[in-house]
Amino acid sequence: MNKISPEEEEKRKKAIFEGMSPRRQKHILKKGYENWEPFQKPKDPIDIRKDETKRTTQSLVREFLQTKDFEEYSNAYGRGVFEICLGIINNDERFKGMYEVSVWYRELLKREGHE
């Protein structure tokens, strides 16, 4: 991929801006033209995103499910495993909360002798 000069990038940015509707231009100006980035870099495809252990969502799911007997889990269980692994990889606050309450609840059960 060819590297373009900052001057050329600014020309392109201005051309894109000028080709927009006045309403869209107003929206960009409100947030700040200098902060507007029309050339955003693409995000990693979901299948190559990795967590801090360098594992993908699929590898986390596979490793976890290999600790279970096939008869121990349903499709719904597998979907739940996939969803939480995806949430972990994406650093999603919702799944962090679910994980933390699960760990807390397990400790609560142990402390009260239910496990």
N, C-alpha and C. Protein backbone atom coordinates (compact mmCIF):
# COMPACT_ATOMS: atom_id res chain seq x y z
N MET A 1 0.84 -1.18 0.00
CA MET A 1 0.00 0.00 0.00
C MET A 1 0.89 1.24 0.00
N ASN A 2 0.58 2.19 -0.85
CA ASN A 2 1.39 3.39 -0.96
C ASN A 2 1.08 4.36 0.17
N LYS A 3 2.12 4.94 0.69
CA LYS A 3 1.99 5.93 1.75
C LYS A 3 1.73 7.28 1.09
N ILE A 4 0.70 7.98 1.53
CA ILE A 4 0.43 9.29 0.96
C ILE A 4 0.93 10.37 1.91
N SER A 5 1.29 11.49 1.33
CA SER A 5 1.83 12.59 2.13
C SER A 5 0.71 13.24 2.95
N PRO A 6 1.08 13.91 4.04
CA PRO A 6 0.06 14.62 4.84
C PRO A 6 -0.70 15.67 4.01
N GLU A 7 0.00 16.30 3.07
CA GLU A 7 -0.64 17.31 2.23
C GLU A 7 -1.71 16.65 1.33
N GLU A 8 -1.36 15.51 0.74
CA GLU A 8 -2.29 14.79 -0.12
C GLU A 8 -3.49 14.28 0.70
N GLU A 9 -3.22 13.80 1.91
CA GLU A 9 -4.29 13.32 2.78
C GLU A 9 -5.24 14.47 3.12
N GLU A 10 -4.69 15.65 3.40
CA GLU A 10 -5.52 16.82 3.72
C GLU A 10 -6.37 17.22 2.51
N LYS A 11 -5.79 17.15 1.30
CA LYS A 11 -6.56 17.45 0.08
C LYS A 11 -7.74 16.50 -0.05
N ARG A 12 -7.47 15.22 0.17
CA ARG A 12 -8.54 14.21 0.06
C ARG A 12 -9.61 14.45 1.11
N LYS A 13 -9.18 14.77 2.33
CA LYS A 13 -10.11 15.03 3.42
C LYS A 13 -11.02 16.21 3.06
N LYS A 14 -10.41 17.27 2.52
CA LYS A 14 -11.18 18.46 2.14
C LYS A 14 -12.16 18.14 1.02
N ALA A 15 -11.72 17.33 0.05
CA ALA A 15 -12.60 16.96 -1.07
C ALA A 15 -13.80 16.15 -0.57
N ILE A 16 -13.56 15.23 0.36
CA ILE A 16 -14.66 14.44 0.92
C ILE A 16 -15.63 15.36 1.66
N PHE A 17 -15.06 16.27 2.46
CA PHE A 17 -15.88 17.19 3.25
C PHE A 17 -16.75 18.05 2.33
N GLU A 18 -16.14 18.59 1.28
CA GLU A 18 -16.86 19.49 0.37
C GLU A 18 -17.93 18.75 -0.43
N GLY A 19 -17.79 17.45 -0.59
CA GLY A 19 -18.78 16.66 -1.31
C GLY A 19 -19.97 16.25 -0.47
N MET A 20 -19.92 16.56 0.81
CA MET A 20 -20.99 16.18 1.72
C MET A 20 -22.13 17.21 1.71
N SER A 21 -23.26 16.76 2.21
CA SER A 21 -24.39 17.68 2.34
C SER A 21 -24.08 18.72 3.42
N PRO A 22 -24.68 19.91 3.31
CA PRO A 22 -24.44 20.94 4.34
C PRO A 22 -24.79 20.45 5.75
N ARG A 23 -25.81 19.63 5.85
CA ARG A 23 -26.20 19.13 7.17
C ARG A 23 -25.09 18.26 7.77
N ARG A 24 -24.51 17.37 6.95
CA ARG A 24 -23.42 16.50 7.42
C ARG A 24 -22.18 17.32 7.75
N GLN A 25 -21.90 18.35 6.93
CA GLN A 25 -20.75 19.23 7.19
C GLN A 25 -20.92 19.93 8.54
N LYS A 26 -22.12 20.39 8.80
CA LYS A 26 -22.41 21.08 10.06
C LYS A 26 -22.16 20.14 11.24
N HIS A 27 -22.57 18.88 11.08
CA HIS A 27 -22.36 17.88 12.13
C HIS A 27 -20.86 17.69 12.41
N ILE A 28 -20.06 17.61 11.36
CA ILE A 28 -18.61 17.43 11.51
C ILE A 28 -17.98 18.67 12.14
N LEU A 29 -18.38 19.85 11.68
CA LEU A 29 -17.84 21.09 12.23
C LEU A 29 -18.17 21.23 13.72
N LYS A 30 -19.35 20.76 14.10
CA LYS A 30 -19.76 20.83 15.50
C LYS A 30 -18.81 20.02 16.39
N LYS A 31 -18.37 18.85 15.89
CA LYS A 31 -17.44 18.00 16.64
C LYS A 31 -15.98 18.42 16.45
N GLY A 32 -15.72 19.19 15.39
CA GLY A 32 -14.38 19.66 15.10
C GLY A 32 -13.80 19.00 13.86
N TYR A 33 -13.60 19.80 12.82
CA TYR A 33 -13.07 19.28 11.56
C TYR A 33 -11.72 18.61 11.77
N GLU A 34 -10.88 19.20 12.62
CA GLU A 34 -9.54 18.64 12.85
C GLU A 34 -9.59 17.28 13.54
N ASN A 35 -10.66 16.99 14.26
CA ASN A 35 -10.81 15.69 14.93
C ASN A 35 -11.46 14.63 14.04
N TRP A 36 -12.03 15.08 12.93
CA TRP A 36 -12.74 14.18 12.02
C TRP A 36 -11.73 13.35 11.25
N GLU A 37 -11.93 12.03 11.23
CA GLU A 37 -11.01 11.12 10.54
C GLU A 37 -11.79 10.30 9.52
N PRO A 38 -11.81 10.78 8.24
CA PRO A 38 -12.56 10.04 7.22
C PRO A 38 -11.84 8.78 6.72
N PHE A 39 -10.59 8.61 7.10
CA PHE A 39 -9.79 7.47 6.63
C PHE A 39 -9.52 6.49 7.76
N GLN A 40 -10.57 6.04 8.41
CA GLN A 40 -10.40 5.13 9.54
C GLN A 40 -9.85 3.80 9.07
N LYS A 41 -8.95 3.28 9.89
CA LYS A 41 -8.37 1.97 9.59
C LYS A 41 -9.36 0.88 9.97
N PRO A 42 -9.45 -0.18 9.19
CA PRO A 42 -10.40 -1.25 9.52
C PRO A 42 -10.01 -1.98 10.80
N LYS A 43 -11.00 -2.46 11.50
CA LYS A 43 -10.76 -3.27 12.71
C LYS A 43 -10.36 -4.67 12.29
N ASP A 44 -9.70 -5.36 13.20
CA ASP A 44 -9.34 -6.75 12.92
C ASP A 44 -10.61 -7.56 12.71
N PRO A 45 -10.60 -8.47 11.76
CA PRO A 45 -11.74 -9.37 11.64
C PRO A 45 -11.92 -10.14 12.94
N ILE A 46 -13.15 -10.44 13.28
CA ILE A 46 -13.48 -11.07 14.55
C ILE A 46 -12.71 -12.36 14.78
N ASP A 47 -12.42 -13.10 13.70
CA ASP A 47 -11.79 -14.40 13.87
C ASP A 47 -10.29 -14.32 14.15
N ILE A 48 -9.67 -13.13 14.03
CA ILE A 48 -8.25 -13.05 14.36
C ILE A 48 -7.98 -12.17 15.58
N ARG A 49 -9.02 -11.64 16.19
CA ARG A 49 -8.82 -10.89 17.43
C ARG A 49 -8.40 -11.86 18.51
N LYS A 50 -7.49 -11.41 19.36
CA LYS A 50 -6.97 -12.29 20.41
C LYS A 50 -7.01 -11.60 21.75
N ASP A 51 -7.06 -12.42 22.80
CA ASP A 51 -7.04 -11.89 24.16
C ASP A 51 -5.59 -11.76 24.61
N GLU A 52 -5.41 -11.45 25.88
CA GLU A 52 -4.05 -11.27 26.38
C GLU A 52 -3.24 -12.56 26.42
N THR A 53 -3.90 -13.71 26.31
CA THR A 53 -3.17 -14.99 26.26
C THR A 53 -2.86 -15.39 24.82
N LYS A 54 -3.21 -14.50 23.88
CA LYS A 54 -2.99 -14.73 22.44
C LYS A 54 -3.90 -15.81 21.86
N ARG A 55 -5.07 -16.01 22.48
CA ARG A 55 -6.05 -16.98 21.99
C ARG A 55 -7.19 -16.25 21.30
N THR A 56 -7.74 -16.88 20.26
CA THR A 56 -8.92 -16.35 19.58
C THR A 56 -10.16 -16.82 20.33
N THR A 57 -11.31 -16.27 19.95
CA THR A 57 -12.57 -16.70 20.53
C THR A 57 -12.75 -18.20 20.34
N GLN A 58 -12.51 -18.66 19.11
CA GLN A 58 -12.70 -20.09 18.81
C GLN A 58 -11.77 -20.97 19.64
N SER A 59 -10.53 -20.55 19.83
CA SER A 59 -9.61 -21.39 20.60
C SER A 59 -10.02 -21.43 22.07
N LEU A 60 -10.52 -20.31 22.61
CA LEU A 60 -11.00 -20.32 24.00
C LEU A 60 -12.19 -21.26 24.14
N VAL A 61 -13.14 -21.17 23.22
CA VAL A 61 -14.33 -22.02 23.26
C VAL A 61 -13.91 -23.49 23.18
N ARG A 62 -13.07 -23.81 22.22
CA ARG A 62 -12.63 -25.19 22.02
C ARG A 62 -11.91 -25.73 23.26
N GLU A 63 -10.98 -24.94 23.80
CA GLU A 63 -10.24 -25.40 24.99
C GLU A 63 -11.17 -25.63 26.17
N PHE A 64 -12.12 -24.71 26.38
CA PHE A 64 -13.03 -24.88 27.50
C PHE A 64 -13.92 -26.10 27.31
N LEU A 65 -14.53 -26.23 26.14
CA LEU A 65 -15.46 -27.34 25.91
C LEU A 65 -14.76 -28.69 25.94
N GLN A 66 -13.45 -28.72 25.68
CA GLN A 66 -12.71 -29.98 25.77
C GLN A 66 -12.57 -30.46 27.21
N THR A 67 -12.84 -29.56 28.17
CA THR A 67 -12.80 -29.96 29.58
C THR A 67 -14.11 -30.61 30.01
N LYS A 68 -15.10 -30.61 29.13
CA LYS A 68 -16.42 -31.16 29.42
C LYS A 68 -16.67 -32.40 28.59
N ASP A 69 -17.47 -33.32 29.11
CA ASP A 69 -17.92 -34.45 28.29
C ASP A 69 -19.00 -33.92 27.36
N PHE A 70 -19.04 -34.45 26.17
CA PHE A 70 -20.00 -34.00 25.16
C PHE A 70 -21.43 -34.06 25.69
N GLU A 71 -21.73 -35.06 26.49
CA GLU A 71 -23.09 -35.22 27.02
C GLU A 71 -23.41 -34.19 28.11
N GLU A 72 -22.39 -33.51 28.63
CA GLU A 72 -22.58 -32.56 29.73
C GLU A 72 -23.18 -31.22 29.30
N TYR A 73 -23.14 -30.91 28.01
CA TYR A 73 -23.63 -29.58 27.62
C TYR A 73 -24.52 -29.63 26.39
N SER A 74 -25.41 -28.63 26.35
CA SER A 74 -26.37 -28.52 25.25
C SER A 74 -25.89 -27.46 24.25
N ASN A 75 -26.66 -27.30 23.19
CA ASN A 75 -26.34 -26.24 22.23
C ASN A 75 -26.43 -24.86 22.89
N ALA A 76 -27.41 -24.68 23.76
CA ALA A 76 -27.57 -23.40 24.46
C ALA A 76 -26.35 -23.13 25.33
N TYR A 77 -25.85 -24.17 26.01
CA TYR A 77 -24.65 -24.04 26.83
C TYR A 77 -23.46 -23.62 25.96
N GLY A 78 -23.30 -24.28 24.82
CA GLY A 78 -22.21 -23.95 23.89
C GLY A 78 -22.31 -22.53 23.37
N ARG A 79 -23.55 -22.08 23.08
CA ARG A 79 -23.74 -20.70 22.63
C ARG A 79 -23.35 -19.72 23.72
N GLY A 80 -23.71 -20.04 24.96
CA GLY A 80 -23.34 -19.17 26.08
C GLY A 80 -21.83 -19.08 26.24
N VAL A 81 -21.15 -20.22 26.09
CA VAL A 81 -19.68 -20.24 26.17
C VAL A 81 -19.11 -19.36 25.06
N PHE A 82 -19.63 -19.51 23.85
CA PHE A 82 -19.15 -18.70 22.72
C PHE A 82 -19.36 -17.21 23.00
N GLU A 83 -20.57 -16.85 23.47
CA GLU A 83 -20.87 -15.44 23.70
C GLU A 83 -19.95 -14.82 24.74
N ILE A 84 -19.70 -15.52 25.83
CA ILE A 84 -18.84 -14.94 26.86
C ILE A 84 -17.39 -14.88 26.40
N CYS A 85 -16.95 -15.87 25.62
CA CYS A 85 -15.59 -15.81 25.07
C CYS A 85 -15.45 -14.63 24.11
N LEU A 86 -16.47 -14.41 23.29
CA LEU A 86 -16.46 -13.27 22.37
C LEU A 86 -16.43 -11.96 23.16
N GLY A 87 -17.22 -11.89 24.22
CA GLY A 87 -17.22 -10.70 25.07
C GLY A 87 -15.88 -10.45 25.73
N ILE A 88 -15.21 -11.52 26.13
CA ILE A 88 -13.87 -11.40 26.74
C ILE A 88 -12.89 -10.86 25.70
N ILE A 89 -12.90 -11.44 24.51
CA ILE A 89 -11.99 -11.01 23.44
C ILE A 89 -12.22 -9.54 23.09
N ASN A 90 -13.48 -9.13 23.05
CA ASN A 90 -13.82 -7.75 22.70
C ASN A 90 -13.75 -6.79 23.88
N ASN A 91 -13.39 -7.30 25.05
CA ASN A 91 -13.27 -6.47 26.26
C ASN A 91 -14.58 -5.74 26.56
N ASP A 92 -15.69 -6.46 26.42
CA ASP A 92 -17.02 -5.91 26.59
C ASP A 92 -17.38 -5.86 28.08
N GLU A 93 -17.75 -4.68 28.56
CA GLU A 93 -18.08 -4.49 29.97
C GLU A 93 -19.20 -5.40 30.45
N ARG A 94 -20.18 -5.65 29.60
CA ARG A 94 -21.31 -6.52 29.97
C ARG A 94 -20.81 -7.91 30.38
N PHE A 95 -19.89 -8.45 29.59
CA PHE A 95 -19.39 -9.80 29.87
C PHE A 95 -18.41 -9.80 31.03
N LYS A 96 -17.70 -8.70 31.24
CA LYS A 96 -16.84 -8.60 32.42
C LYS A 96 -17.70 -8.68 33.68
N GLY A 97 -18.84 -8.00 33.65
CA GLY A 97 -19.76 -8.04 34.79
C GLY A 97 -20.29 -9.43 35.04
N MET A 98 -20.68 -10.13 33.97
CA MET A 98 -21.18 -11.50 34.11
C MET A 98 -20.10 -12.42 34.67
N TYR A 99 -18.88 -12.26 34.20
CA TYR A 99 -17.77 -13.08 34.68
C TYR A 99 -17.53 -12.82 36.17
N GLU A 100 -17.45 -11.53 36.53
CA GLU A 100 -17.14 -11.20 37.92
C GLU A 100 -18.23 -11.65 38.88
N VAL A 101 -19.50 -11.52 38.51
CA VAL A 101 -20.57 -11.98 39.40
C VAL A 101 -20.56 -13.51 39.49
N SER A 102 -20.17 -14.19 38.41
CA SER A 102 -20.08 -15.66 38.44
C SER A 102 -18.99 -16.12 39.40
N VAL A 103 -17.84 -15.47 39.33
CA VAL A 103 -16.74 -15.81 40.24
C VAL A 103 -17.16 -15.52 41.68
N TRP A 104 -17.78 -14.38 41.91
CA TRP A 104 -18.24 -13.99 43.25
C TRP A 104 -19.25 -15.00 43.78
N TYR A 105 -20.20 -15.40 42.92
CA TYR A 105 -21.25 -16.33 43.34
C TYR A 105 -20.67 -17.70 43.68
N ARG A 106 -19.71 -18.14 42.91
CA ARG A 106 -19.08 -19.43 43.20
C ARG A 106 -18.39 -19.39 44.57
N GLU A 107 -17.71 -18.30 44.85
CA GLU A 107 -17.05 -18.14 46.15
C GLU A 107 -18.08 -18.08 47.28
N LEU A 108 -19.21 -17.42 47.04
CA LEU A 108 -20.29 -17.36 48.02
C LEU A 108 -20.80 -18.77 48.33
N LEU A 109 -21.04 -19.56 47.29
CA LEU A 109 -21.51 -20.93 47.48
C LEU A 109 -20.49 -21.75 48.29
N LYS A 110 -19.22 -21.59 47.99
CA LYS A 110 -18.17 -22.32 48.73
C LYS A 110 -18.17 -21.90 50.20
N ARG A 111 -18.20 -20.58 50.44
CA ARG A 111 -18.17 -20.08 51.83
C ARG A 111 -19.35 -20.60 52.64
N GLU A 112 -20.50 -20.76 51.99
CA GLU A 112 -21.70 -21.18 52.72
C GLU A 112 -21.91 -22.70 52.66
N GLY A 113 -20.92 -23.42 52.12
CA GLY A 113 -20.96 -24.87 52.13
C GLY A 113 -21.93 -25.49 51.14
N HIS A 114 -22.24 -24.84 50.06
CA HIS A 114 -23.17 -25.38 49.07
C HIS A 114 -22.46 -26.09 47.91
N GLU A 115 -21.16 -26.11 47.94
CA GLU A 115 -20.42 -26.77 46.86
C GLU A 115 -19.62 -27.92 47.35
